[in-house]
Structure formats: structure tokens, C-alpha cells
PDB file of N, CA and C in Angstrom:
ATOM      1  N   MET A   1      54.301  94.819  -7.201  1.00  0.00           N
ATOM      2  CA  MET A   1      54.210  95.140  -6.188  1.00  0.00           C
ATOM      3  C   MET A   1      54.884  96.894  -5.299  1.00  0.00           C
ATOM      4  N   LEU A   2      53.987  97.857  -4.735  1.00  0.00           N
ATOM      5  CA  LEU A   2      54.892  98.534  -4.733  1.00  0.00           C
ATOM      6  C   LEU A   2      55.812  98.368  -3.018  1.00  0.00           C
ATOM      7  N   GLN A   3      56.831  99.256  -3.551  1.00  0.00           N
ATOM      8  CA  GLN A   3      57.846  98.876  -2.166  1.00  0.00           C
ATOM      9  C   GLN A   3      57.986  99.982  -1.313  1.00  0.00           C
ATOM     10  N   SER A   4      57.960  99.856  -0.332  1.00  0.00           N
ATOM     11  CA  SER A   4      57.971 101.405   0.429  1.00  0.00           C
ATOM     12  C   SER A   4      59.117 102.005   0.633  1.00  0.00           C
ATOM     13  N   THR A   5      59.144 103.222   1.149  1.00  0.00           N
ATOM     14  CA  THR A   5      59.897 103.885   0.931  1.00  0.00           C
ATOM     15  C   THR A   5      60.120 104.882   2.488  1.00  0.00           C
ATOM     16  N   MET A   6      61.461 105.117   3.343  1.00  0.00           N
ATOM     17  CA  MET A   6      60.422 105.801   4.124  1.00  0.00           C
ATOM     18  C   MET A   6      61.676 107.108   4.061  1.00  0.00           C
ATOM     19  N   ALA A   7      61.616 108.426   4.107  1.00  0.00           N
ATOM     20  CA  ALA A   7      61.764 108.901   4.127  1.00  0.00           C
ATOM     21  C   ALA A   7      62.719 109.989   5.249  1.00  0.00           C
ATOM     22  N   LEU A   8      63.939 110.235   5.227  1.00  0.00           N
ATOM     23  CA  LEU A   8      64.111 110.773   6.557  1.00  0.00           C
ATOM     24  C   LEU A   8      64.136 112.366   7.453  1.00  0.00           C
ATOM     25  N   SER A   9      63.557 112.896   6.015  1.00  0.00           N
ATOM     26  CA  SER A   9      63.446 114.512   6.692  1.00  0.00           C
ATOM     27  C   SER A   9      61.737 114.842   6.043  1.00  0.00           C
ATOM     28  N   THR A  10      61.255 115.559   5.949  1.00  0.00           N
ATOM     29  CA  THR A  10      60.074 116.374   5.118  1.00  0.00           C
ATOM     30  C   THR A  10      60.418 116.594   4.074  1.00  0.00           C
ATOM     31  N   THR A  11      61.906 117.248   3.434  1.00  0.00           N
ATOM     32  CA  THR A  11      62.041 117.747   2.371  1.00  0.00           C
ATOM     33  C   THR A  11      62.074 116.759   1.268  1.00  0.00           C
ATOM     34  N   GLU A  12      63.133 115.419   2.247  1.00  0.00           N
ATOM     35  CA  GLU A  12      62.819 113.723   1.121  1.00  0.00           C
ATOM     36  C   GLU A  12      61.991 113.948   0.624  1.00  0.00           C
ATOM     37  N   ALA A  13      61.296 113.692   1.906  1.00  0.00           N
ATOM     38  CA  ALA A  13      59.477 113.327   1.745  1.00  0.00           C
ATOM     39  C   ALA A  13      58.972 114.302   0.500  1.00  0.00           C
ATOM     40  N   GLU A  14      59.051 115.417   0.789  1.00  0.00           N
ATOM     41  CA  GLU A  14      58.862 115.938  -0.020  1.00  0.00           C
ATOM     42  C   GLU A  14      59.018 115.375  -1.807  1.00  0.00           C
ATOM     43  N   TYR A  15      59.823 115.426  -1.574  1.00  0.00           N
ATOM     44  CA  TYR A  15      60.893 115.569  -3.996  1.00  0.00           C
ATOM     45  C   TYR A  15      60.509 114.035  -3.509  1.00  0.00           C
ATOM     46  N   MET A  16      60.613 113.153  -2.620  1.00  0.00           N
ATOM     47  CA  MET A  16      59.631 111.630  -3.002  1.00  0.00           C
ATOM     48  C   MET A  16      58.087 111.895  -4.203  1.00  0.00           C
ATOM     49  N   VAL A  17      57.376 112.469  -3.141  1.00  0.00           N
ATOM     50  CA  VAL A  17      56.144 112.518  -3.827  1.00  0.00           C
ATOM     51  C   VAL A  17      56.417 113.422  -5.003  1.00  0.00           C
ATOM     52  N   VAL A  18      57.178 114.616  -4.795  1.00  0.00           N
ATOM     53  CA  VAL A  18      57.249 115.315  -6.843  1.00  0.00           C
ATOM     54  C   VAL A  18      57.486 114.089  -7.716  1.00  0.00           C
ATOM     55  N   ALA A  19      58.014 113.231  -7.023  1.00  0.00           N
ATOM     56  CA  ALA A  19      58.698 112.137  -7.930  1.00  0.00           C
ATOM     57  C   ALA A  19      57.827 111.812  -8.780  1.00  0.00           C
ATOM     58  N   GLU A  20      56.891 110.811  -7.331  1.00  0.00           N
ATOM     59  CA  GLU A  20      55.906 110.243  -8.277  1.00  0.00           C
ATOM     60  C   GLU A  20      54.780 111.012  -9.245  1.00  0.00           C
ATOM     61  N   GLY A  21      54.590 112.077  -8.716  1.00  0.00           N
ATOM     62  CA  GLY A  21      53.760 113.046  -9.692  1.00  0.00           C
ATOM     63  C   GLY A  21      54.785 113.517 -10.941  1.00  0.00           C
ATOM     64  N   VAL A  22      55.532 113.628 -10.973  1.00  0.00           N
ATOM     65  CA  VAL A  22      56.009 113.489 -12.007  1.00  0.00           C
ATOM     66  C   VAL A  22      56.348 112.293 -12.727  1.00  0.00           C
ATOM     67  N   LYS A  23      56.390 111.132 -12.246  1.00  0.00           N
ATOM     68  CA  LYS A  23      55.897 110.254 -13.342  1.00  0.00           C
ATOM     69  C   LYS A  23      54.387 110.204 -14.157  1.00  0.00           C
ATOM     70  N   GLU A  24      53.365 110.230 -12.910  1.00  0.00           N
ATOM     71  CA  GLU A  24      52.012 110.035 -13.705  1.00  0.00           C
ATOM     72  C   GLU A  24      52.118 111.351 -14.453  1.00  0.00           C
ATOM     73  N   ALA A  25      52.250 112.787 -13.786  1.00  0.00           N
ATOM     74  CA  ALA A  25      52.377 113.194 -15.095  1.00  0.00           C
ATOM     75  C   ALA A  25      53.264 113.501 -16.654  1.00  0.00           C
ATOM     76  N   LEU A  26      53.833 111.874 -16.916  1.00  0.00           N
ATOM     77  CA  LEU A  26      54.586 111.959 -17.645  1.00  0.00           C
ATOM     78  C   LEU A  26      53.938 110.651 -18.766  1.00  0.00           C
ATOM     79  N   TRP A  27      53.169 110.071 -17.365  1.00  0.00           N
ATOM     80  CA  TRP A  27      52.376 108.841 -18.000  1.00  0.00           C
ATOM     81  C   TRP A  27      50.994 109.590 -19.259  1.00  0.00           C
ATOM     82  N   LEU A  28      50.231 109.934 -18.263  1.00  0.00           N
ATOM     83  CA  LEU A  28      49.521 110.695 -18.636  1.00  0.00           C
ATOM     84  C   LEU A  28      49.320 111.504 -20.144  1.00  0.00           C
ATOM     85  N   SER A  29      50.446 112.545 -20.066  1.00  0.00           N
ATOM     86  CA  SER A  29      50.753 112.968 -21.233  1.00  0.00           C
ATOM     87  C   SER A  29      50.684 112.129 -22.394  1.00  0.00           C
ATOM     88  N   GLY A  30      52.584 111.028 -21.770  1.00  0.00           N
ATOM     89  CA  GLY A  30      52.041 109.908 -23.586  1.00  0.00           C
ATOM     90  C   GLY A  30      50.300 109.285 -23.990  1.00  0.00           C
ATOM     91  N   LEU A  31      49.595 109.235 -22.307  1.00  0.00           N
ATOM     92  CA  LEU A  31      48.529 108.579 -22.944  1.00  0.00           C
ATOM     93  C   LEU A  31      47.616 109.558 -24.023  1.00  0.00           C
ATOM     94  N   LEU A  32      47.674 110.585 -23.069  1.00  0.00           N
ATOM     95  CA  LEU A  32      47.022 112.211 -23.772  1.00  0.00           C
ATOM     96  C   LEU A  32      47.375 112.036 -25.254  1.00  0.00           C
ATOM     97  N   ASP A  33      48.900 112.127 -26.081  1.00  0.00           N
ATOM     98  CA  ASP A  33      49.488 111.739 -27.136  1.00  0.00           C
ATOM     99  C   ASP A  33      49.070 110.805 -27.431  1.00  0.00           C
ATOM    100  N   ASP A  34      49.282 109.218 -27.621  1.00  0.00           N
ATOM    101  CA  ASP A  34      48.161 108.645 -28.255  1.00  0.00           C
ATOM    102  C   ASP A  34      47.294 108.237 -28.523  1.00  0.00           C
ATOM    103  N   LEU A  35      46.250 109.746 -27.503  1.00  0.00           N
ATOM    104  CA  LEU A  35      44.801 109.704 -28.031  1.00  0.00           C
ATOM    105  C   LEU A  35      44.591 111.304 -28.798  1.00  0.00           C
ATOM    106  N   GLY A  36      45.648 111.144 -29.419  1.00  0.00           N
ATOM    107  CA  GLY A  36      46.022 112.195 -30.896  1.00  0.00           C
ATOM    108  C   GLY A  36      45.186 113.357 -29.457  1.00  0.00           C
ATOM    109  N   MET A  37      45.677 113.927 -28.558  1.00  0.00           N
ATOM    110  CA  MET A  37      45.921 115.311 -27.669  1.00  0.00           C
ATOM    111  C   MET A  37      46.807 115.251 -27.447  1.00  0.00           C
ATOM    112  N   LYS A  38      47.740 116.018 -27.938  1.00  0.00           N
ATOM    113  CA  LYS A  38      48.792 116.662 -27.678  1.00  0.00           C
ATOM    114  C   LYS A  38      49.252 117.725 -26.938  1.00  0.00           C
ATOM    115  N   GLN A  39      49.774 117.421 -25.563  1.00  0.00           N
ATOM    116  CA  GLN A  39      50.323 118.947 -24.597  1.00  0.00           C
ATOM    117  C   GLN A  39      50.951 119.639 -24.889  1.00  0.00           C
ATOM    118  N   GLU A  40      51.258 120.809 -24.881  1.00  0.00           N
ATOM    119  CA  GLU A  40      52.718 121.491 -25.701  1.00  0.00           C
ATOM    120  C   GLU A  40      53.771 121.503 -23.635  1.00  0.00           C
ATOM    121  N   CYS A  41      52.804 121.425 -23.060  1.00  0.00           N
ATOM    122  CA  CYS A  41      53.812 120.727 -21.392  1.00  0.00           C
ATOM    123  C   CYS A  41      52.967 120.861 -20.201  1.00  0.00           C
ATOM    124  N   VAL A  42      53.440 120.023 -19.248  1.00  0.00           N
ATOM    125  CA  VAL A  42      52.803 119.796 -18.021  1.00  0.00           C
ATOM    126  C   VAL A  42      53.209 120.494 -16.979  1.00  0.00           C
ATOM    127  N   LYS A  43      51.800 121.444 -16.587  1.00  0.00           N
ATOM    128  CA  LYS A  43      53.090 122.369 -15.066  1.00  0.00           C
ATOM    129  C   LYS A  43      52.077 121.603 -14.248  1.00  0.00           C
ATOM    130  N   LEU A  44      53.573 120.750 -13.046  1.00  0.00           N
ATOM    131  CA  LEU A  44      53.556 120.528 -11.509  1.00  0.00           C
ATOM    132  C   LEU A  44      53.742 121.493 -11.137  1.00  0.00           C
ATOM    133  N   SER A  45      53.375 121.595  -9.553  1.00  0.00           N
ATOM    134  CA  SER A  45      53.374 123.008  -8.738  1.00  0.00           C
ATOM    135  C   SER A  45      53.870 122.503  -7.288  1.00  0.00           C
ATOM    136  N   CYS A  46      54.422 122.364  -6.391  1.00  0.00           N
ATOM    137  CA  CYS A  46      54.259 121.707  -5.128  1.00  0.00           C
ATOM    138  C   CYS A  46      54.433 123.446  -4.253  1.00  0.00           C
ATOM    139  N   ASP A  47      54.497 122.809  -2.952  1.00  0.00           N
ATOM    140  CA  ASP A  47      54.504 124.125  -1.881  1.00  0.00           C
ATOM    141  C   ASP A  47      55.621 123.414  -0.801  1.00  0.00           C
ATOM    142  N   SER A  48      56.019 124.137   0.054  1.00  0.00           N
ATOM    143  CA  SER A  48      57.150 123.692   1.162  1.00  0.00           C
ATOM    144  C   SER A  48      56.158 123.495   2.287  1.00  0.00           C
ATOM    145  N   GLN A  49      54.868 123.583   1.828  1.00  0.00           N
ATOM    146  CA  GLN A  49      54.273 123.563   3.321  1.00  0.00           C
ATOM    147  C   GLN A  49      53.912 122.269   3.858  1.00  0.00           C
ATOM    148  N   SER A  50      54.466 120.986   4.607  1.00  0.00           N
ATOM    149  CA  SER A  50      53.817 120.355   5.417  1.00  0.00           C
ATOM    150  C   SER A  50      52.910 119.951   6.234  1.00  0.00           C
TER     151      SER A  50
END
């Protein structure tokens, strides 16, 4: 079950979204590694446009 978290600023909201993206990227990287498709790195891009 997901818990909702309220951000007090747009910057905080962006950090929260980036953190979720990092978790997903790490999970996907682990899955690809398990399938024998090792990745050198995972690039995550974000901007400050709200």
C-alpha cells in the first residue's frame, strides 16, 4: 500500500519524484543484470520546469 506524502514546495516535490525515479532505475538495472544484460550506468535527467 502506498502512502501519500505532501510536499511543502515545488522543489521538494521534484526531489520526491526524482527519488522515486532513482528507485525505479535501480530496480530495472537489477532486473537487467539478472537477465544477463549488465548496464554500465543509468542516466537520470530532470529539470526545474514545473
